Amino acid sequence: MQKKLMFKSYLDFLKDNYPLYMQNMQSEELENMERLYYLINDVYISSSFFNRDEYLTRNFYNLMKEYRTYYSRILLLIPLNDKYLIDALIRLLIEKLYRIIYGSYHLHLEEGSIRRHERRKMSERLETFDVKDKELLDTLYNDYSKLIHHTDSTETDLLNFKQLTKIDVALIDYVIEVVEKLNLIYIKNVFVIIINEGNLDLASNLTLKDVMQENFKDILKEEGITV
């Protein structure tokens, strides 16, 4: 019931701010939007578990808060139907995730140093650690860097403002696909820090069981963690 209310609040937001977009939403789009909402919600809620004393001084703490905040902005961009803005945001998220992971393996470094490290050097140094799905993370970084910097020629058109009121099913599916990849990397390399350090209290454990989606828990099971 609580989960349904959370998604309803998002739909109410869309109705108030993008009424034509909502009017055009059919059952298929609504189902996909709900799926995307909960994928993002899983990260938003689980990342809040880092808001405890033992993590406040970690070099990745502020990056984690930023990641959580910017991740939820995907839901603000979807009704704009602007793929470039979404790609730019995803590229930002990929880099923050990279730095969070790097910081978690280099706890002796200051936050400012983590923020300034060159991505290529971080990638090389992470080769010596057990970073899960690192090849996928590297691929995402390279692919989205090319997209936002127009490394390859891209088609450009005058913006059709009428298009902004339509539902782009392909765009929603596209975002779901990349969000699932980011969630996979986040869960295996970042969220498990809390569990491995024994900092999952009873309330957090109940939240995992009752609020998180099954695919979130399935990824944890792959890592030998049952909730």
C-alpha atoms as a PDB file:
ATOM      1  CA  MET A   1       0.000   0.000   0.000  1.00  0.00           C
ATOM      2  CA  GLN A   2       2.802   2.397   0.955  1.00  0.00           C
ATOM      3  CA  LYS A   3       4.582   1.726  -2.349  1.00  0.00           C
ATOM      4  CA  LYS A   4       1.427   2.468  -4.333  1.00  0.00           C
ATOM      5  CA  LEU A   5       1.022   5.756  -2.492  1.00  0.00           C
ATOM      6  CA  MET A   6       4.603   6.744  -3.346  1.00  0.00           C
ATOM      7  CA  PHE A   7       4.042   6.177  -7.054  1.00  0.00           C
ATOM      8  CA  LYS A   8       0.688   7.947  -6.895  1.00  0.00           C
ATOM      9  CA  SER A   9       2.414  11.030  -5.499  1.00  0.00           C
ATOM     10  CA  TYR A  10       4.663  11.033  -8.579  1.00  0.00           C
ATOM     11  CA  LEU A  11       1.670  10.697 -10.884  1.00  0.00           C
ATOM     12  CA  ASP A  12       0.028  13.608  -9.061  1.00  0.00           C
ATOM     13  CA  PHE A  13       3.169  15.637  -9.719  1.00  0.00           C
ATOM     14  CA  LEU A  14       2.956  14.801 -13.433  1.00  0.00           C
ATOM     15  CA  LYS A  15      -0.730  15.703 -13.541  1.00  0.00           C
ATOM     16  CA  ASP A  16      -0.038  19.091 -11.968  1.00  0.00           C
ATOM     17  CA  ASN A  17       3.021  19.952 -14.043  1.00  0.00           C
ATOM     18  CA  TYR A  18       2.666  17.959 -17.283  1.00  0.00           C
ATOM     19  CA  PRO A  19      -1.089  17.484 -17.727  1.00  0.00           C
ATOM     20  CA  LEU A  20      -0.969  16.820 -21.486  1.00  0.00           C
ATOM     21  CA  TYR A  21       1.771  14.265 -20.982  1.00  0.00           C
ATOM     22  CA  MET A  22      -0.383  12.467 -18.437  1.00  0.00           C
ATOM     23  CA  GLN A  23      -3.439  12.594 -20.668  1.00  0.00           C
ATOM     24  CA  ASN A  24      -1.530  10.777 -23.395  1.00  0.00           C
ATOM     25  CA  MET A  25      -0.239   8.053 -21.097  1.00  0.00           C
ATOM     26  CA  GLN A  26      -1.660   4.628 -21.903  1.00  0.00           C
ATOM     27  CA  SER A  27      -1.528   1.487 -19.741  1.00  0.00           C
ATOM     28  CA  GLU A  28       1.784   0.282 -21.246  1.00  0.00           C
ATOM     29  CA  GLU A  29       3.512   3.594 -20.634  1.00  0.00           C
ATOM     30  CA  LEU A  30       2.067   3.757 -17.141  1.00  0.00           C
ATOM     31  CA  GLU A  31       3.440   0.311 -16.300  1.00  0.00           C
ATOM     32  CA  ASN A  32       6.882   1.201 -17.633  1.00  0.00           C
ATOM     33  CA  MET A  33       6.892   4.486 -15.761  1.00  0.00           C
ATOM     34  CA  GLU A  34       5.977   2.683 -12.562  1.00  0.00           C
ATOM     35  CA  ARG A  35       8.800   0.220 -13.092  1.00  0.00           C
ATOM     36  CA  LEU A  36      11.291   3.053 -13.640  1.00  0.00           C
ATOM     37  CA  TYR A  37       9.994   4.902 -10.584  1.00  0.00           C
ATOM     38  CA  TYR A  38      10.642   1.957  -8.275  1.00  0.00           C
ATOM     39  CA  LEU A  39      14.061   1.230  -9.745  1.00  0.00           C
ATOM     40  CA  ILE A  40      15.075   4.787  -8.872  1.00  0.00           C
ATOM     41  CA  ASN A  41      13.269   4.644  -5.549  1.00  0.00           C
ATOM     42  CA  ASP A  42      15.302   1.564  -4.540  1.00  0.00           C
ATOM     43  CA  VAL A  43      18.520   3.536  -4.862  1.00  0.00           C
ATOM     44  CA  TYR A  44      17.063   6.654  -3.246  1.00  0.00           C
ATOM     45  CA  ILE A  45      15.940   4.738  -0.164  1.00  0.00           C
ATOM     46  CA  SER A  46      18.884   2.344   0.165  1.00  0.00           C
ATOM     47  CA  SER A  47      21.460   5.125  -0.221  1.00  0.00           C
ATOM     48  CA  SER A  48      19.871   6.923   2.737  1.00  0.00           C
ATOM     49  CA  PHE A  49      21.261   4.099   4.910  1.00  0.00           C
ATOM     50  CA  PHE A  50      24.626   5.846   4.594  1.00  0.00           C
ATOM     51  CA  ASN A  51      23.278   8.753   6.663  1.00  0.00           C
ATOM     52  CA  ARG A  52      24.797   7.510   9.889  1.00  0.00           C
ATOM     53  CA  ASP A  53      27.762   8.566  11.983  1.00  0.00           C
ATOM     54  CA  GLU A  54      30.174   5.907  10.755  1.00  0.00           C
ATOM     55  CA  TYR A  55      29.943   7.206   7.184  1.00  0.00           C
ATOM     56  CA  LEU A  56      29.842  10.979   7.703  1.00  0.00           C
ATOM     57  CA  THR A  57      33.625  11.329   7.416  1.00  0.00           C
ATOM     58  CA  ARG A  58      34.111   8.875   4.538  1.00  0.00           C
ATOM     59  CA  ASN A  59      35.536  10.482   1.408  1.00  0.00           C
ATOM     60  CA  PHE A  60      32.574   9.260  -0.665  1.00  0.00           C
ATOM     61  CA  TYR A  61      29.792  10.419   1.687  1.00  0.00           C
ATOM     62  CA  ASN A  62      28.987  13.709  -0.046  1.00  0.00           C
ATOM     63  CA  LEU A  63      29.336  12.086  -3.463  1.00  0.00           C
ATOM     64  CA  MET A  64      26.810   9.494  -2.326  1.00  0.00           C
ATOM     65  CA  LYS A  65      24.360  12.218  -1.294  1.00  0.00           C
ATOM     66  CA  GLU A  66      24.818  13.928  -4.647  1.00  0.00           C
ATOM     67  CA  TYR A  67      24.325  10.673  -6.508  1.00  0.00           C
ATOM     68  CA  ARG A  68      21.079  10.065  -4.642  1.00  0.00           C
ATOM     69  CA  THR A  69      19.762  13.547  -5.394  1.00  0.00           C
ATOM     70  CA  TYR A  70      20.686  13.618  -9.063  1.00  0.00           C
ATOM     71  CA  TYR A  71      19.449  10.078  -9.609  1.00  0.00           C
ATOM     72  CA  SER A  72      15.912  11.096  -8.684  1.00  0.00           C
ATOM     73  CA  ARG A  73      16.077  13.900 -11.267  1.00  0.00           C
ATOM     74  CA  ILE A  74      15.701  11.310 -13.988  1.00  0.00           C
ATOM     75  CA  LEU A  75      12.012  11.293 -13.099  1.00  0.00           C
ATOM     76  CA  LEU A  76      11.860  15.051 -13.691  1.00  0.00           C
ATOM     77  CA  LEU A  77      13.410  14.777 -17.156  1.00  0.00           C
ATOM     78  CA  ILE A  78      11.369  11.884 -18.515  1.00  0.00           C
ATOM     79  CA  PRO A  79       8.241  13.953 -19.331  1.00  0.00           C
ATOM     80  CA  LEU A  80      10.417  16.475 -21.205  1.00  0.00           C
ATOM     81  CA  ASN A  81      11.194  13.824 -23.846  1.00  0.00           C
ATOM     82  CA  ASP A  82      14.700  15.258 -24.220  1.00  0.00           C
ATOM     83  CA  LYS A  83      17.152  12.392 -24.638  1.00  0.00           C
ATOM     84  CA  TYR A  84      20.214  14.635 -24.647  1.00  0.00           C
ATOM     85  CA  LEU A  85      19.405  16.042 -21.203  1.00  0.00           C
ATOM     86  CA  ILE A  86      18.853  12.527 -19.914  1.00  0.00           C
ATOM     87  CA  ASP A  87      22.144  11.335 -21.431  1.00  0.00           C
ATOM     88  CA  ALA A  88      23.974  14.268 -19.830  1.00  0.00           C
ATOM     89  CA  LEU A  89      22.478  13.428 -16.442  1.00  0.00           C
ATOM     90  CA  ILE A  90      23.344   9.746 -16.829  1.00  0.00           C
ATOM     91  CA  ARG A  91      26.928  10.672 -17.709  1.00  0.00           C
ATOM     92  CA  LEU A  92      27.109  12.744 -14.511  1.00  0.00           C
ATOM     93  CA  LEU A  93      25.735   9.828 -12.491  1.00  0.00           C
ATOM     94  CA  ILE A  94      28.219   7.377 -13.999  1.00  0.00           C
ATOM     95  CA  GLU A  95      31.138   9.603 -13.032  1.00  0.00           C
ATOM     96  CA  LYS A  96      29.844  10.093  -9.479  1.00  0.00           C
ATOM     97  CA  LEU A  97      29.375   6.344  -9.137  1.00  0.00           C
ATOM     98  CA  TYR A  98      32.932   5.847 -10.384  1.00  0.00           C
ATOM     99  CA  ARG A  99      34.296   8.231  -7.757  1.00  0.00           C
ATOM    100  CA  ILE A 100      32.199   6.690  -4.966  1.00  0.00           C
ATOM    101  CA  ILE A 101      33.605   3.258  -5.777  1.00  0.00           C
ATOM    102  CA  TYR A 102      37.141   4.619  -6.092  1.00  0.00           C
ATOM    103  CA  GLY A 103      36.841   6.404  -2.768  1.00  0.00           C
ATOM    104  CA  SER A 104      35.555   3.271  -1.034  1.00  0.00           C
ATOM    105  CA  TYR A 105      38.780   1.472  -2.019  1.00  0.00           C
ATOM    106  CA  HIS A 106      41.025   4.441  -1.167  1.00  0.00           C
ATOM    107  CA  LEU A 107      39.719   5.596   2.198  1.00  0.00           C
ATOM    108  CA  HIS A 108      43.011   7.355   2.996  1.00  0.00           C
ATOM    109  CA  LEU A 109      42.386   9.957   0.280  1.00  0.00           C
ATOM    110  CA  GLU A 110      40.589  13.230   0.978  1.00  0.00           C
ATOM    111  CA  GLU A 111      37.242  13.926  -0.672  1.00  0.00           C
ATOM    112  CA  GLY A 112      38.743  16.768  -2.717  1.00  0.00           C
ATOM    113  CA  SER A 113      41.379  14.415  -4.088  1.00  0.00           C
ATOM    114  CA  ILE A 114      38.711  11.884  -5.086  1.00  0.00           C
ATOM    115  CA  ARG A 115      36.827  14.603  -6.955  1.00  0.00           C
ATOM    116  CA  ARG A 116      39.933  15.672  -8.904  1.00  0.00           C
ATOM    117  CA  HIS A 117      41.272  12.243  -9.865  1.00  0.00           C
ATOM    118  CA  GLU A 118      41.467  11.566 -13.585  1.00  0.00           C
ATOM    119  CA  ARG A 119      38.958   8.923 -14.576  1.00  0.00           C
ATOM    120  CA  ARG A 120      41.455   6.924 -16.652  1.00  0.00           C
ATOM    121  CA  LYS A 121      43.872   6.654 -13.732  1.00  0.00           C
ATOM    122  CA  MET A 122      41.042   5.644 -11.407  1.00  0.00           C
ATOM    123  CA  SER A 123      40.097   2.884 -13.834  1.00  0.00           C
ATOM    124  CA  GLU A 124      43.664   1.586 -13.989  1.00  0.00           C
ATOM    125  CA  ARG A 125      44.072   1.603 -10.203  1.00  0.00           C
ATOM    126  CA  LEU A 126      40.737  -0.131  -9.634  1.00  0.00           C
ATOM    127  CA  GLU A 127      41.999  -3.062 -11.726  1.00  0.00           C
ATOM    128  CA  THR A 128      43.789  -4.339  -8.619  1.00  0.00           C
ATOM    129  CA  PHE A 129      40.542  -4.500  -6.607  1.00  0.00           C
ATOM    130  CA  ASP A 130      37.481  -6.717  -6.765  1.00  0.00           C
ATOM    131  CA  VAL A 131      35.194  -4.217  -8.482  1.00  0.00           C
ATOM    132  CA  LYS A 132      32.096  -6.014  -9.742  1.00  0.00           C
ATOM    133  CA  ASP A 133      31.041  -5.346 -13.351  1.00  0.00           C
ATOM    134  CA  LYS A 134      33.887  -2.874 -13.814  1.00  0.00           C
ATOM    135  CA  GLU A 135      33.958  -3.510 -17.558  1.00  0.00           C
ATOM    136  CA  LEU A 136      30.313  -2.453 -17.741  1.00  0.00           C
ATOM    137  CA  LEU A 137      31.083   0.697 -15.742  1.00  0.00           C
ATOM    138  CA  ASP A 138      33.969   1.578 -18.076  1.00  0.00           C
ATOM    139  CA  THR A 139      31.791   0.964 -21.130  1.00  0.00           C
ATOM    140  CA  LEU A 140      28.994   3.158 -19.801  1.00  0.00           C
ATOM    141  CA  TYR A 141      31.447   5.955 -19.041  1.00  0.00           C
ATOM    142  CA  ASN A 142      32.958   5.835 -22.526  1.00  0.00           C
ATOM    143  CA  ASP A 143      29.636   5.519 -24.331  1.00  0.00           C
ATOM    144  CA  TYR A 144      27.966   8.410 -22.533  1.00  0.00           C
ATOM    145  CA  SER A 145      31.042  10.609 -22.807  1.00  0.00           C
ATOM    146  CA  LYS A 146      30.814  10.188 -26.576  1.00  0.00           C
ATOM    147  CA  LEU A 147      27.088  10.963 -26.542  1.00  0.00           C
ATOM    148  CA  ILE A 148      27.268  14.217 -24.624  1.00  0.00           C
ATOM    149  CA  HIS A 149      30.465  15.457 -26.280  1.00  0.00           C
ATOM    150  CA  HIS A 150      29.233  14.526 -29.773  1.00  0.00           C
ATOM    151  CA  THR A 151      32.396  12.537 -30.451  1.00  0.00           C
ATOM    152  CA  ASP A 152      30.459  11.011 -33.307  1.00  0.00           C
ATOM    153  CA  SER A 153      28.244  13.029 -35.626  1.00  0.00           C
ATOM    154  CA  THR A 154      24.667  13.230 -34.399  1.00  0.00           C
ATOM    155  CA  GLU A 155      21.436  14.184 -36.088  1.00  0.00           C
ATOM    156  CA  THR A 156      20.074  17.553 -35.031  1.00  0.00           C
ATOM    157  CA  ASP A 157      16.666  19.061 -35.751  1.00  0.00           C
ATOM    158  CA  LEU A 158      14.726  22.111 -34.751  1.00  0.00           C
ATOM    159  CA  LEU A 159      12.960  21.357 -31.493  1.00  0.00           C
ATOM    160  CA  ASN A 160       9.347  20.410 -32.043  1.00  0.00           C
ATOM    161  CA  PHE A 161       7.607  21.669 -28.929  1.00  0.00           C
ATOM    162  CA  LYS A 162       4.510  19.603 -29.667  1.00  0.00           C
ATOM    163  CA  GLN A 163       6.675  16.523 -29.197  1.00  0.00           C
ATOM    164  CA  LEU A 164       7.107  17.443 -25.541  1.00  0.00           C
ATOM    165  CA  THR A 165       3.479  16.552 -24.798  1.00  0.00           C
ATOM    166  CA  LYS A 166       3.728  13.064 -26.293  1.00  0.00           C
ATOM    167  CA  ILE A 167       4.793   9.817 -24.682  1.00  0.00           C
ATOM    168  CA  ASP A 168       8.050   8.435 -25.999  1.00  0.00           C
ATOM    169  CA  VAL A 169       7.781   4.737 -25.157  1.00  0.00           C
ATOM    170  CA  ALA A 170      11.220   4.033 -26.585  1.00  0.00           C
ATOM    171  CA  LEU A 171      12.769   6.706 -24.370  1.00  0.00           C
ATOM    172  CA  ILE A 172      11.219   5.246 -21.214  1.00  0.00           C
ATOM    173  CA  ASP A 173      12.485   1.770 -22.158  1.00  0.00           C
ATOM    174  CA  TYR A 174      15.911   3.230 -22.935  1.00  0.00           C
ATOM    175  CA  VAL A 175      16.140   4.860 -19.511  1.00  0.00           C
ATOM    176  CA  ILE A 176      14.963   1.698 -17.753  1.00  0.00           C
ATOM    177  CA  GLU A 177      17.727  -0.274 -19.437  1.00  0.00           C
ATOM    178  CA  VAL A 178      20.536   2.045 -18.337  1.00  0.00           C
ATOM    179  CA  VAL A 179      19.069   2.515 -14.844  1.00  0.00           C
ATOM    180  CA  GLU A 180      19.059  -1.262 -14.375  1.00  0.00           C
ATOM    181  CA  LYS A 181      22.757  -1.320 -15.272  1.00  0.00           C
ATOM    182  CA  LEU A 182      23.566   1.499 -12.860  1.00  0.00           C
ATOM    183  CA  ASN A 183      21.580  -0.216 -10.112  1.00  0.00           C
ATOM    184  CA  LEU A 184      23.501  -3.437 -10.678  1.00  0.00           C
ATOM    185  CA  ILE A 185      26.846  -1.664 -10.257  1.00  0.00           C
ATOM    186  CA  TYR A 186      25.616   0.403  -7.302  1.00  0.00           C
ATOM    187  CA  ILE A 187      24.193  -2.559  -5.383  1.00  0.00           C
ATOM    188  CA  LYS A 188      27.222  -4.819  -5.907  1.00  0.00           C
ATOM    189  CA  ASN A 189      29.901  -2.209  -5.212  1.00  0.00           C
ATOM    190  CA  VAL A 190      28.363   0.467  -2.998  1.00  0.00           C
ATOM    191  CA  PHE A 191      25.321  -0.733  -1.097  1.00  0.00           C
ATOM    192  CA  VAL A 192      27.041  -3.964  -0.020  1.00  0.00           C
ATOM    193  CA  ILE A 193      29.502  -1.809   1.968  1.00  0.00           C
ATOM    194  CA  ILE A 194      26.819  -1.365   4.629  1.00  0.00           C
ATOM    195  CA  ILE A 195      26.079  -5.079   4.781  1.00  0.00           C
ATOM    196  CA  ASN A 196      29.724  -6.196   4.730  1.00  0.00           C
ATOM    197  CA  GLU A 197      30.533  -3.815   7.576  1.00  0.00           C
ATOM    198  CA  GLY A 198      27.607  -5.146   9.618  1.00  0.00           C
ATOM    199  CA  ASN A 199      25.797  -1.813   9.673  1.00  0.00           C
ATOM    200  CA  LEU A 200      22.377  -2.991   8.531  1.00  0.00           C
ATOM    201  CA  ASP A 201      20.155  -2.381  11.553  1.00  0.00           C
ATOM    202  CA  LEU A 202      16.722  -3.920  12.119  1.00  0.00           C
ATOM    203  CA  ALA A 203      14.807  -0.974  10.658  1.00  0.00           C
ATOM    204  CA  SER A 204      16.956  -0.974   7.517  1.00  0.00           C
ATOM    205  CA  ASN A 205      16.571  -4.725   7.178  1.00  0.00           C
ATOM    206  CA  LEU A 206      12.791  -4.425   7.345  1.00  0.00           C
ATOM    207  CA  THR A 207      12.888  -1.679   4.716  1.00  0.00           C
ATOM    208  CA  LEU A 208      14.872  -3.940   2.412  1.00  0.00           C
ATOM    209  CA  LYS A 209      12.345  -6.732   2.830  1.00  0.00           C
ATOM    210  CA  ASP A 210       9.196  -4.657   2.556  1.00  0.00           C
ATOM    211  CA  VAL A 211      10.051  -1.768   0.209  1.00  0.00           C
ATOM    212  CA  MET A 212      12.805  -2.858  -2.178  1.00  0.00           C
ATOM    213  CA  GLN A 213      11.905  -4.476  -5.487  1.00  0.00           C
ATOM    214  CA  GLU A 214      12.570  -8.171  -6.028  1.00  0.00           C
ATOM    215  CA  ASN A 215      15.315  -7.467  -8.589  1.00  0.00           C
ATOM    216  CA  PHE A 216      17.192  -5.448  -5.925  1.00  0.00           C
ATOM    217  CA  LYS A 217      17.049  -8.422  -3.572  1.00  0.00           C
ATOM    218  CA  ASP A 218      17.936 -10.820  -6.393  1.00  0.00           C
ATOM    219  CA  ILE A 219      21.169  -8.923  -7.055  1.00  0.00           C
ATOM    220  CA  LEU A 220      22.036  -9.193  -3.366  1.00  0.00           C
ATOM    221  CA  LYS A 221      21.360 -12.928  -3.525  1.00  0.00           C
ATOM    222  CA  GLU A 222      23.880 -13.183  -6.375  1.00  0.00           C
ATOM    223  CA  GLU A 223      26.398 -11.747  -3.913  1.00  0.00           C
ATOM    224  CA  GLY A 224      25.439 -14.347  -1.318  1.00  0.00           C
ATOM    225  CA  ILE A 225      23.318 -11.932   0.710  1.00  0.00           C
ATOM    226  CA  THR A 226      19.744 -12.827   1.664  1.00  0.00           C
ATOM    227  CA  VAL A 227      17.346 -10.274   3.117  1.00  0.00           C
END
